[in-house]
Amino acid sequence: MSADVQQLAARLSKAVAERTAIEPLTDEVPDLDLETGYAVQRVLREQAGPIAGWKLGVTSRAKQAQVGVSAPVCGFLPAAGALDLGEPLSVSSLIQPRAEPEIVFVLGRDLSGAHCTAVDVLSATSGLAVGIEVLDSRFRDYRFTMADVVADNTSAARYLVGSPVPPAGIDVRLVGVVLEKNGEVIATASGAASLGHPAAAVAWLVRRLAASGEGLRAGEVVLSGGLTAATPVTPGDVVTVSIDRLGTVEMAVSS
């Protein structure tokens, strides 16, 4: 791999700073692979300040088949990217934002290990919450390979997490999910849309982190994967996500 990881990270940082979409990194570096993409992402993480948690992408089996991968991808959540309840999403610093619904896991204790299972994840989870993830690919028209999107921190931009509820007695595979924009239902899904079970997606993340000697920490949040297609948002929009047993969150969009 001839790619200069630092230079590729700098290109992405510049796109964010200038709010300007760029062409995929693989246009310039055709042999960019997933592991190099993660190396670029690691550079961005080192520059991002405090980390609040993690996020998963490509957790749909159908989507994996469509893009030719057999596992999800993951990224990090900068603490600075969090939106508070009632805080509008300002799009003035974003390029091409889209919103999607998420089931959020709040870790009650540290969790690590190369053999982590969904059962381990559930036992370590102190709360489940409704989430809205705001994606903002730095690549023009959301055109990218898996290596590109991993380098771009899986299009992470902003995220909103609702009030957590205790996980006891909630089967997150079966909860119904409704995504609305401006009062209109845009999409529906169930929790099983994320790798068959959202906790299985989080377990995959733990195993992935274990390969580099890392793990999840108590208090961190994990967005377990988009449950529907993401919907574009513009100033004036109001996005609402409702999930059975977990509640509802609403996000207004401003300029």
C-alpha atoms as a PDB file:
ATOM      1  CA  MET A   1       0.000   0.000   0.000  1.00  0.00           C
ATOM      2  CA  SER A   2       1.593   3.214  -1.200  1.00  0.00           C
ATOM      3  CA  ALA A   3      -0.936   5.569   0.402  1.00  0.00           C
ATOM      4  CA  ASP A   4       0.308   8.127   2.902  1.00  0.00           C
ATOM      5  CA  VAL A   5      -2.117   7.722   5.799  1.00  0.00           C
ATOM      6  CA  GLN A   6      -1.403  11.165   7.227  1.00  0.00           C
ATOM      7  CA  GLN A   7      -2.002  12.848   3.868  1.00  0.00           C
ATOM      8  CA  LEU A   8      -5.291  11.020   3.347  1.00  0.00           C
ATOM      9  CA  ALA A   9      -6.459  12.037   6.829  1.00  0.00           C
ATOM     10  CA  ALA A  10      -5.476  15.623   6.057  1.00  0.00           C
ATOM     11  CA  ARG A  11      -7.599  15.569   2.894  1.00  0.00           C
ATOM     12  CA  LEU A  12     -10.642  14.507   4.888  1.00  0.00           C
ATOM     13  CA  SER A  13     -10.008  17.066   7.628  1.00  0.00           C
ATOM     14  CA  LYS A  14      -9.707  19.780   4.984  1.00  0.00           C
ATOM     15  CA  ALA A  15     -13.037  18.738   3.441  1.00  0.00           C
ATOM     16  CA  VAL A  16     -14.702  19.092   6.850  1.00  0.00           C
ATOM     17  CA  ALA A  17     -13.062  22.446   7.571  1.00  0.00           C
ATOM     18  CA  GLU A  18     -13.948  23.862   4.163  1.00  0.00           C
ATOM     19  CA  ARG A  19     -17.374  22.185   4.036  1.00  0.00           C
ATOM     20  CA  THR A  20     -16.570  20.942   0.557  1.00  0.00           C
ATOM     21  CA  ALA A  21     -17.174  17.435  -0.771  1.00  0.00           C
ATOM     22  CA  ILE A  22     -14.220  15.677  -2.358  1.00  0.00           C
ATOM     23  CA  GLU A  23     -13.777  12.741  -4.705  1.00  0.00           C
ATOM     24  CA  PRO A  24     -13.257   9.302  -3.118  1.00  0.00           C
ATOM     25  CA  LEU A  25      -9.754   8.566  -1.883  1.00  0.00           C
ATOM     26  CA  THR A  26      -9.786   5.439  -4.020  1.00  0.00           C
ATOM     27  CA  ASP A  27      -9.927   7.576  -7.162  1.00  0.00           C
ATOM     28  CA  GLU A  28      -6.393   8.600  -6.296  1.00  0.00           C
ATOM     29  CA  VAL A  29      -5.322   5.423  -4.448  1.00  0.00           C
ATOM     30  CA  PRO A  30      -7.113   2.515  -6.166  1.00  0.00           C
ATOM     31  CA  ASP A  31      -5.526  -0.108  -3.923  1.00  0.00           C
ATOM     32  CA  LEU A  32      -6.737   1.497  -0.695  1.00  0.00           C
ATOM     33  CA  ASP A  33      -7.950  -1.383   1.493  1.00  0.00           C
ATOM     34  CA  LEU A  34     -10.057  -1.602   4.632  1.00  0.00           C
ATOM     35  CA  GLU A  35      -7.145  -1.858   7.036  1.00  0.00           C
ATOM     36  CA  THR A  36      -5.536   1.257   5.583  1.00  0.00           C
ATOM     37  CA  GLY A  37      -8.932   2.942   5.832  1.00  0.00           C
ATOM     38  CA  TYR A  38      -8.958   2.126   9.550  1.00  0.00           C
ATOM     39  CA  ALA A  39      -5.414   3.512   9.846  1.00  0.00           C
ATOM     40  CA  VAL A  40      -6.626   6.807   8.358  1.00  0.00           C
ATOM     41  CA  GLN A  41      -9.596   6.780  10.745  1.00  0.00           C
ATOM     42  CA  ARG A  42      -7.216   6.215  13.673  1.00  0.00           C
ATOM     43  CA  VAL A  43      -5.327   9.382  12.747  1.00  0.00           C
ATOM     44  CA  LEU A  44      -8.614  11.319  12.716  1.00  0.00           C
ATOM     45  CA  ARG A  45      -9.527   9.828  16.102  1.00  0.00           C
ATOM     46  CA  GLU A  46      -6.219  10.955  17.599  1.00  0.00           C
ATOM     47  CA  GLN A  47      -7.039  14.479  16.436  1.00  0.00           C
ATOM     48  CA  ALA A  48     -10.688  14.530  17.505  1.00  0.00           C
ATOM     49  CA  GLY A  49     -10.418  15.133  21.240  1.00  0.00           C
ATOM     50  CA  PRO A  50     -12.478  13.190  23.809  1.00  0.00           C
ATOM     51  CA  ILE A  51     -14.428  10.196  22.501  1.00  0.00           C
ATOM     52  CA  ALA A  52     -17.996   9.509  23.695  1.00  0.00           C
ATOM     53  CA  GLY A  53     -18.378   6.095  22.084  1.00  0.00           C
ATOM     54  CA  TRP A  54     -18.628   4.196  18.839  1.00  0.00           C
ATOM     55  CA  LYS A  55     -20.890   3.589  15.870  1.00  0.00           C
ATOM     56  CA  LEU A  56     -21.546   0.743  13.482  1.00  0.00           C
ATOM     57  CA  GLY A  57     -22.297   0.813   9.780  1.00  0.00           C
ATOM     58  CA  VAL A  58     -23.338  -1.678   7.095  1.00  0.00           C
ATOM     59  CA  THR A  59     -25.092  -3.844   9.689  1.00  0.00           C
ATOM     60  CA  SER A  60     -27.779  -4.992   7.252  1.00  0.00           C
ATOM     61  CA  ARG A  61     -27.067  -8.424   5.769  1.00  0.00           C
ATOM     62  CA  ALA A  62     -28.684  -7.318   2.506  1.00  0.00           C
ATOM     63  CA  LYS A  63     -26.505  -4.199   2.389  1.00  0.00           C
ATOM     64  CA  GLN A  64     -23.398  -6.267   3.086  1.00  0.00           C
ATOM     65  CA  ALA A  65     -24.221  -8.508   0.146  1.00  0.00           C
ATOM     66  CA  GLN A  66     -24.900  -5.469  -2.030  1.00  0.00           C
ATOM     67  CA  VAL A  67     -21.506  -3.876  -1.346  1.00  0.00           C
ATOM     68  CA  GLY A  68     -19.527  -7.123  -1.209  1.00  0.00           C
ATOM     69  CA  VAL A  69     -18.523  -7.292   2.465  1.00  0.00           C
ATOM     70  CA  SER A  70     -19.252  -9.935   5.085  1.00  0.00           C
ATOM     71  CA  ALA A  71     -19.028  -7.829   8.239  1.00  0.00           C
ATOM     72  CA  PRO A  72     -20.029  -4.377   9.463  1.00  0.00           C
ATOM     73  CA  VAL A  73     -17.688  -1.398   9.658  1.00  0.00           C
ATOM     74  CA  CYS A  74     -17.180   0.878  12.645  1.00  0.00           C
ATOM     75  CA  GLY A  75     -16.264   4.429  13.536  1.00  0.00           C
ATOM     76  CA  PHE A  76     -15.870   6.620  16.610  1.00  0.00           C
ATOM     77  CA  LEU A  77     -18.127   9.272  18.133  1.00  0.00           C
ATOM     78  CA  PRO A  78     -16.353  12.492  19.144  1.00  0.00           C
ATOM     79  CA  ALA A  79     -17.865  13.978  22.282  1.00  0.00           C
ATOM     80  CA  ALA A  80     -18.093  17.260  20.369  1.00  0.00           C
ATOM     81  CA  GLY A  81     -20.535  15.669  17.906  1.00  0.00           C
ATOM     82  CA  ALA A  82     -23.273  15.064  20.478  1.00  0.00           C
ATOM     83  CA  LEU A  83     -26.538  16.998  20.297  1.00  0.00           C
ATOM     84  CA  ASP A  84     -28.480  17.629  23.501  1.00  0.00           C
ATOM     85  CA  LEU A  85     -32.187  16.907  23.758  1.00  0.00           C
ATOM     86  CA  GLY A  86     -34.029  19.857  22.268  1.00  0.00           C
ATOM     87  CA  GLU A  87     -30.916  21.244  20.596  1.00  0.00           C
ATOM     88  CA  PRO A  88     -31.423  21.845  16.876  1.00  0.00           C
ATOM     89  CA  LEU A  89     -29.088  20.403  14.312  1.00  0.00           C
ATOM     90  CA  SER A  90     -27.252  23.281  12.659  1.00  0.00           C
ATOM     91  CA  VAL A  91     -26.298  22.295   9.118  1.00  0.00           C
ATOM     92  CA  SER A  92     -24.131  25.343   8.451  1.00  0.00           C
ATOM     93  CA  SER A  93     -20.972  23.341   9.121  1.00  0.00           C
ATOM     94  CA  LEU A  94     -22.091  20.216   7.264  1.00  0.00           C
ATOM     95  CA  ILE A  95     -21.882  19.218   3.607  1.00  0.00           C
ATOM     96  CA  GLN A  96     -24.759  16.835   2.779  1.00  0.00           C
ATOM     97  CA  PRO A  97     -26.431  15.708   6.038  1.00  0.00           C
ATOM     98  CA  ARG A  98     -28.738  12.744   6.334  1.00  0.00           C
ATOM     99  CA  ALA A  99     -30.500  11.304   9.404  1.00  0.00           C
ATOM    100  CA  GLU A 100     -31.194   7.715  10.374  1.00  0.00           C
ATOM    101  CA  PRO A 101     -32.693   5.919  13.402  1.00  0.00           C
ATOM    102  CA  GLU A 102     -30.525   3.956  15.822  1.00  0.00           C
ATOM    103  CA  ILE A 103     -30.844   1.752  18.888  1.00  0.00           C
ATOM    104  CA  VAL A 104     -28.226   3.061  21.313  1.00  0.00           C
ATOM    105  CA  PHE A 105     -26.452   0.930  23.913  1.00  0.00           C
ATOM    106  CA  VAL A 106     -25.117   2.643  27.045  1.00  0.00           C
ATOM    107  CA  LEU A 107     -22.339   0.634  28.682  1.00  0.00           C
ATOM    108  CA  GLY A 108     -22.622   0.063  32.416  1.00  0.00           C
ATOM    109  CA  ARG A 109     -19.183  -1.523  32.683  1.00  0.00           C
ATOM    110  CA  ASP A 110     -16.063  -2.020  30.599  1.00  0.00           C
ATOM    111  CA  LEU A 111     -16.332  -4.685  27.925  1.00  0.00           C
ATOM    112  CA  SER A 112     -13.531  -6.212  25.890  1.00  0.00           C
ATOM    113  CA  GLY A 113     -12.285  -9.462  24.451  1.00  0.00           C
ATOM    114  CA  ALA A 114     -11.857 -11.392  21.236  1.00  0.00           C
ATOM    115  CA  HIS A 115     -14.710 -13.753  22.070  1.00  0.00           C
ATOM    116  CA  CYS A 116     -17.398 -11.256  23.100  1.00  0.00           C
ATOM    117  CA  THR A 117     -20.978 -12.370  22.406  1.00  0.00           C
ATOM    118  CA  ALA A 118     -24.338 -10.638  22.247  1.00  0.00           C
ATOM    119  CA  VAL A 119     -25.111 -12.082  25.689  1.00  0.00           C
ATOM    120  CA  ASP A 120     -21.973 -10.416  27.064  1.00  0.00           C
ATOM    121  CA  VAL A 121     -23.073  -7.116  25.528  1.00  0.00           C
ATOM    122  CA  LEU A 122     -26.535  -7.298  27.061  1.00  0.00           C
ATOM    123  CA  SER A 123     -25.132  -8.096  30.501  1.00  0.00           C
ATOM    124  CA  ALA A 124     -22.775  -5.105  30.286  1.00  0.00           C
ATOM    125  CA  THR A 125     -25.487  -2.692  29.093  1.00  0.00           C
ATOM    126  CA  SER A 126     -26.975  -0.334  31.671  1.00  0.00           C
ATOM    127  CA  GLY A 127     -29.438   1.335  29.317  1.00  0.00           C
ATOM    128  CA  LEU A 128     -30.990   1.342  25.859  1.00  0.00           C
ATOM    129  CA  ALA A 129     -32.036   4.528  24.114  1.00  0.00           C
ATOM    130  CA  VAL A 130     -33.517   5.914  20.930  1.00  0.00           C
ATOM    131  CA  GLY A 131     -30.933   7.628  18.775  1.00  0.00           C
ATOM    132  CA  ILE A 132     -30.705   9.734  15.646  1.00  0.00           C
ATOM    133  CA  GLU A 133     -27.430   9.651  13.789  1.00  0.00           C
ATOM    134  CA  VAL A 134     -26.638  12.486  11.398  1.00  0.00           C
ATOM    135  CA  LEU A 135     -24.400  11.270   8.594  1.00  0.00           C
ATOM    136  CA  ASP A 136     -22.346  13.642   6.473  1.00  0.00           C
ATOM    137  CA  SER A 137     -20.125  11.930   3.937  1.00  0.00           C
ATOM    138  CA  ARG A 138     -17.153  13.993   2.890  1.00  0.00           C
ATOM    139  CA  PHE A 139     -17.351  12.339  -0.544  1.00  0.00           C
ATOM    140  CA  ARG A 140     -19.411  13.931  -3.294  1.00  0.00           C
ATOM    141  CA  ASP A 141     -22.882  12.410  -3.696  1.00  0.00           C
ATOM    142  CA  TYR A 142     -22.141   9.700  -1.109  1.00  0.00           C
ATOM    143  CA  ARG A 143     -20.042   7.872  -3.704  1.00  0.00           C
ATOM    144  CA  PHE A 144     -17.414   5.716  -2.021  1.00  0.00           C
ATOM    145  CA  THR A 145     -15.989   2.227  -1.498  1.00  0.00           C
ATOM    146  CA  MET A 146     -15.954   0.530   1.901  1.00  0.00           C
ATOM    147  CA  ALA A 147     -12.309   1.556   2.359  1.00  0.00           C
ATOM    148  CA  ASP A 148     -13.247   5.174   1.631  1.00  0.00           C
ATOM    149  CA  VAL A 149     -16.108   5.257   4.102  1.00  0.00           C
ATOM    150  CA  VAL A 150     -14.048   3.637   6.855  1.00  0.00           C
ATOM    151  CA  ALA A 151     -11.319   6.247   6.340  1.00  0.00           C
ATOM    152  CA  ASP A 152     -14.045   8.914   6.544  1.00  0.00           C
ATOM    153  CA  ASN A 153     -15.081   7.587   9.980  1.00  0.00           C
ATOM    154  CA  THR A 154     -18.149   5.940   8.438  1.00  0.00           C
ATOM    155  CA  SER A 155     -19.624   9.357   7.550  1.00  0.00           C
ATOM    156  CA  ALA A 156     -20.005  10.315  11.229  1.00  0.00           C
ATOM    157  CA  ALA A 157     -21.099  13.892  11.928  1.00  0.00           C
ATOM    158  CA  ARG A 158     -23.608  14.446  14.772  1.00  0.00           C
ATOM    159  CA  TYR A 159     -25.756  12.238  16.992  1.00  0.00           C
ATOM    160  CA  LEU A 160     -28.672  12.603  19.383  1.00  0.00           C
ATOM    161  CA  VAL A 161     -29.301  10.096  22.175  1.00  0.00           C
ATOM    162  CA  GLY A 162     -32.558   9.951  24.108  1.00  0.00           C
ATOM    163  CA  SER A 163     -33.000   9.108  27.781  1.00  0.00           C
ATOM    164  CA  PRO A 164     -31.865   5.513  28.414  1.00  0.00           C
ATOM    165  CA  VAL A 165     -34.255   2.918  29.819  1.00  0.00           C
ATOM    166  CA  PRO A 166     -33.263  -0.285  31.658  1.00  0.00           C
ATOM    167  CA  PRO A 167     -32.771  -3.149  29.184  1.00  0.00           C
ATOM    168  CA  ALA A 168     -34.404  -5.860  31.327  1.00  0.00           C
ATOM    169  CA  GLY A 169     -37.293  -7.513  29.530  1.00  0.00           C
ATOM    170  CA  ILE A 170     -36.766  -5.731  26.204  1.00  0.00           C
ATOM    171  CA  ASP A 171     -36.085  -7.895  23.156  1.00  0.00           C
ATOM    172  CA  VAL A 172     -34.397  -5.381  20.891  1.00  0.00           C
ATOM    173  CA  ARG A 173     -34.770  -7.673  17.883  1.00  0.00           C
ATOM    174  CA  LEU A 174     -38.512  -7.203  17.950  1.00  0.00           C
ATOM    175  CA  VAL A 175     -39.010  -3.527  18.781  1.00  0.00           C
ATOM    176  CA  GLY A 176     -40.692  -1.516  16.056  1.00  0.00           C
ATOM    177  CA  VAL A 177     -38.940   1.556  14.674  1.00  0.00           C
ATOM    178  CA  VAL A 178     -40.597   4.526  12.941  1.00  0.00           C
ATOM    179  CA  LEU A 179     -38.707   7.328  11.187  1.00  0.00           C
ATOM    180  CA  GLU A 180     -40.728  10.493  10.478  1.00  0.00           C
ATOM    181  CA  LYS A 181     -39.806  13.745   8.776  1.00  0.00           C
ATOM    182  CA  ASN A 182     -42.108  16.751   9.029  1.00  0.00           C
ATOM    183  CA  GLY A 183     -44.895  14.538  10.346  1.00  0.00           C
ATOM    184  CA  GLU A 184     -44.721  12.043   7.493  1.00  0.00           C
ATOM    185  CA  VAL A 185     -43.630   8.440   8.007  1.00  0.00           C
ATOM    186  CA  ILE A 186     -40.474   7.954   5.940  1.00  0.00           C
ATOM    187  CA  ALA A 187     -39.576   4.391   6.916  1.00  0.00           C
ATOM    188  CA  THR A 188     -40.257   1.617   9.417  1.00  0.00           C
ATOM    189  CA  ALA A 189     -38.133  -1.283  10.611  1.00  0.00           C
ATOM    190  CA  SER A 190     -37.479  -3.614  13.524  1.00  0.00           C
ATOM    191  CA  GLY A 191     -34.411  -3.917  15.705  1.00  0.00           C
ATOM    192  CA  ALA A 192     -33.467  -7.101  13.887  1.00  0.00           C
ATOM    193  CA  ALA A 193     -32.493  -4.956  10.875  1.00  0.00           C
ATOM    194  CA  SER A 194     -29.099  -4.544  12.583  1.00  0.00           C
ATOM    195  CA  LEU A 195     -27.216  -7.818  12.012  1.00  0.00           C
ATOM    196  CA  GLY A 196     -30.237  -9.849  13.139  1.00  0.00           C
ATOM    197  CA  HIS A 197     -29.794  -8.506  16.684  1.00  0.00           C
ATOM    198  CA  PRO A 198     -28.341  -5.104  17.631  1.00  0.00           C
ATOM    199  CA  ALA A 199     -26.391  -6.645  20.502  1.00  0.00           C
ATOM    200  CA  ALA A 200     -24.679  -8.948  17.995  1.00  0.00           C
ATOM    201  CA  ALA A 201     -23.525  -5.871  16.099  1.00  0.00           C
ATOM    202  CA  VAL A 202     -22.066  -4.397  19.292  1.00  0.00           C
ATOM    203  CA  ALA A 203     -20.366  -7.729  20.047  1.00  0.00           C
ATOM    204  CA  TRP A 204     -18.741  -7.602  16.617  1.00  0.00           C
ATOM    205  CA  LEU A 205     -17.446  -4.127  17.485  1.00  0.00           C
ATOM    206  CA  VAL A 206     -15.934  -5.399  20.739  1.00  0.00           C
ATOM    207  CA  ARG A 207     -14.156  -8.208  18.896  1.00  0.00           C
ATOM    208  CA  ARG A 208     -12.905  -5.744  16.281  1.00  0.00           C
ATOM    209  CA  LEU A 209     -11.523  -3.429  18.971  1.00  0.00           C
ATOM    210  CA  ALA A 210      -9.899  -6.368  20.770  1.00  0.00           C
ATOM    211  CA  ALA A 211      -7.683  -6.940  17.719  1.00  0.00           C
ATOM    212  CA  SER A 212      -5.957  -3.627  18.475  1.00  0.00           C
ATOM    213  CA  GLY A 213      -5.974  -4.054  22.249  1.00  0.00           C
ATOM    214  CA  GLU A 214      -8.974  -1.804  22.829  1.00  0.00           C
ATOM    215  CA  GLY A 215     -12.477  -2.224  24.212  1.00  0.00           C
ATOM    216  CA  LEU A 216     -15.611  -0.406  25.291  1.00  0.00           C
ATOM    217  CA  ARG A 217     -15.591   1.618  28.497  1.00  0.00           C
ATOM    218  CA  ALA A 218     -18.296   2.144  31.082  1.00  0.00           C
ATOM    219  CA  GLY A 219     -20.367   5.191  30.176  1.00  0.00           C
ATOM    220  CA  GLU A 220     -19.655   5.004  26.456  1.00  0.00           C
ATOM    221  CA  VAL A 221     -22.517   4.862  23.976  1.00  0.00           C
ATOM    222  CA  VAL A 222     -22.691   2.660  20.901  1.00  0.00           C
ATOM    223  CA  LEU A 223     -24.925   3.408  17.925  1.00  0.00           C
ATOM    224  CA  SER A 224     -25.688  -0.138  16.836  1.00  0.00           C
ATOM    225  CA  GLY A 225     -26.369   0.554  13.152  1.00  0.00           C
ATOM    226  CA  GLY A 226     -28.852   2.429  11.005  1.00  0.00           C
ATOM    227  CA  LEU A 227     -32.200   0.633  10.944  1.00  0.00           C
ATOM    228  CA  THR A 228     -33.559   2.283   7.784  1.00  0.00           C
ATOM    229  CA  ALA A 229     -32.151   4.166   4.840  1.00  0.00           C
ATOM    230  CA  ALA A 230     -30.922   7.627   5.857  1.00  0.00           C
ATOM    231  CA  THR A 231     -33.069  10.601   4.855  1.00  0.00           C
ATOM    232  CA  PRO A 232     -31.580  13.941   3.703  1.00  0.00           C
ATOM    233  CA  VAL A 233     -32.303  16.908   5.975  1.00  0.00           C
ATOM    234  CA  THR A 234     -32.405  20.650   5.344  1.00  0.00           C
ATOM    235  CA  PRO A 235     -33.198  23.712   7.485  1.00  0.00           C
ATOM    236  CA  GLY A 236     -36.818  23.692   8.622  1.00  0.00           C
ATOM    237  CA  ASP A 237     -37.106  19.920   8.792  1.00  0.00           C
ATOM    238  CA  VAL A 238     -38.104  18.066  11.945  1.00  0.00           C
ATOM    239  CA  VAL A 239     -36.977  14.452  12.284  1.00  0.00           C
ATOM    240  CA  THR A 240     -38.673  12.144  14.785  1.00  0.00           C
ATOM    241  CA  VAL A 241     -37.664   8.589  15.697  1.00  0.00           C
ATOM    242  CA  SER A 242     -39.912   6.361  17.797  1.00  0.00           C
ATOM    243  CA  ILE A 243     -38.911   2.905  19.025  1.00  0.00           C
ATOM    244  CA  ASP A 244     -41.203   0.594  20.986  1.00  0.00           C
ATOM    245  CA  ARG A 245     -40.346   0.395  24.692  1.00  0.00           C
ATOM    246  CA  LEU A 246     -37.483   2.899  24.264  1.00  0.00           C
ATOM    247  CA  GLY A 247     -39.365   6.125  23.559  1.00  0.00           C
ATOM    248  CA  THR A 248     -39.212   8.972  21.048  1.00  0.00           C
ATOM    249  CA  VAL A 249     -36.670  11.667  20.178  1.00  0.00           C
ATOM    250  CA  GLU A 250     -37.162  14.687  17.953  1.00  0.00           C
ATOM    251  CA  MET A 251     -34.562  16.784  16.166  1.00  0.00           C
ATOM    252  CA  ALA A 252     -35.255  20.116  14.533  1.00  0.00           C
ATOM    253  CA  VAL A 253     -32.946  21.226  11.729  1.00  0.00           C
ATOM    254  CA  SER A 254     -31.709  24.805  11.483  1.00  0.00           C
ATOM    255  CA  SER A 255     -29.358  26.675   9.165  1.00  0.00           C
END
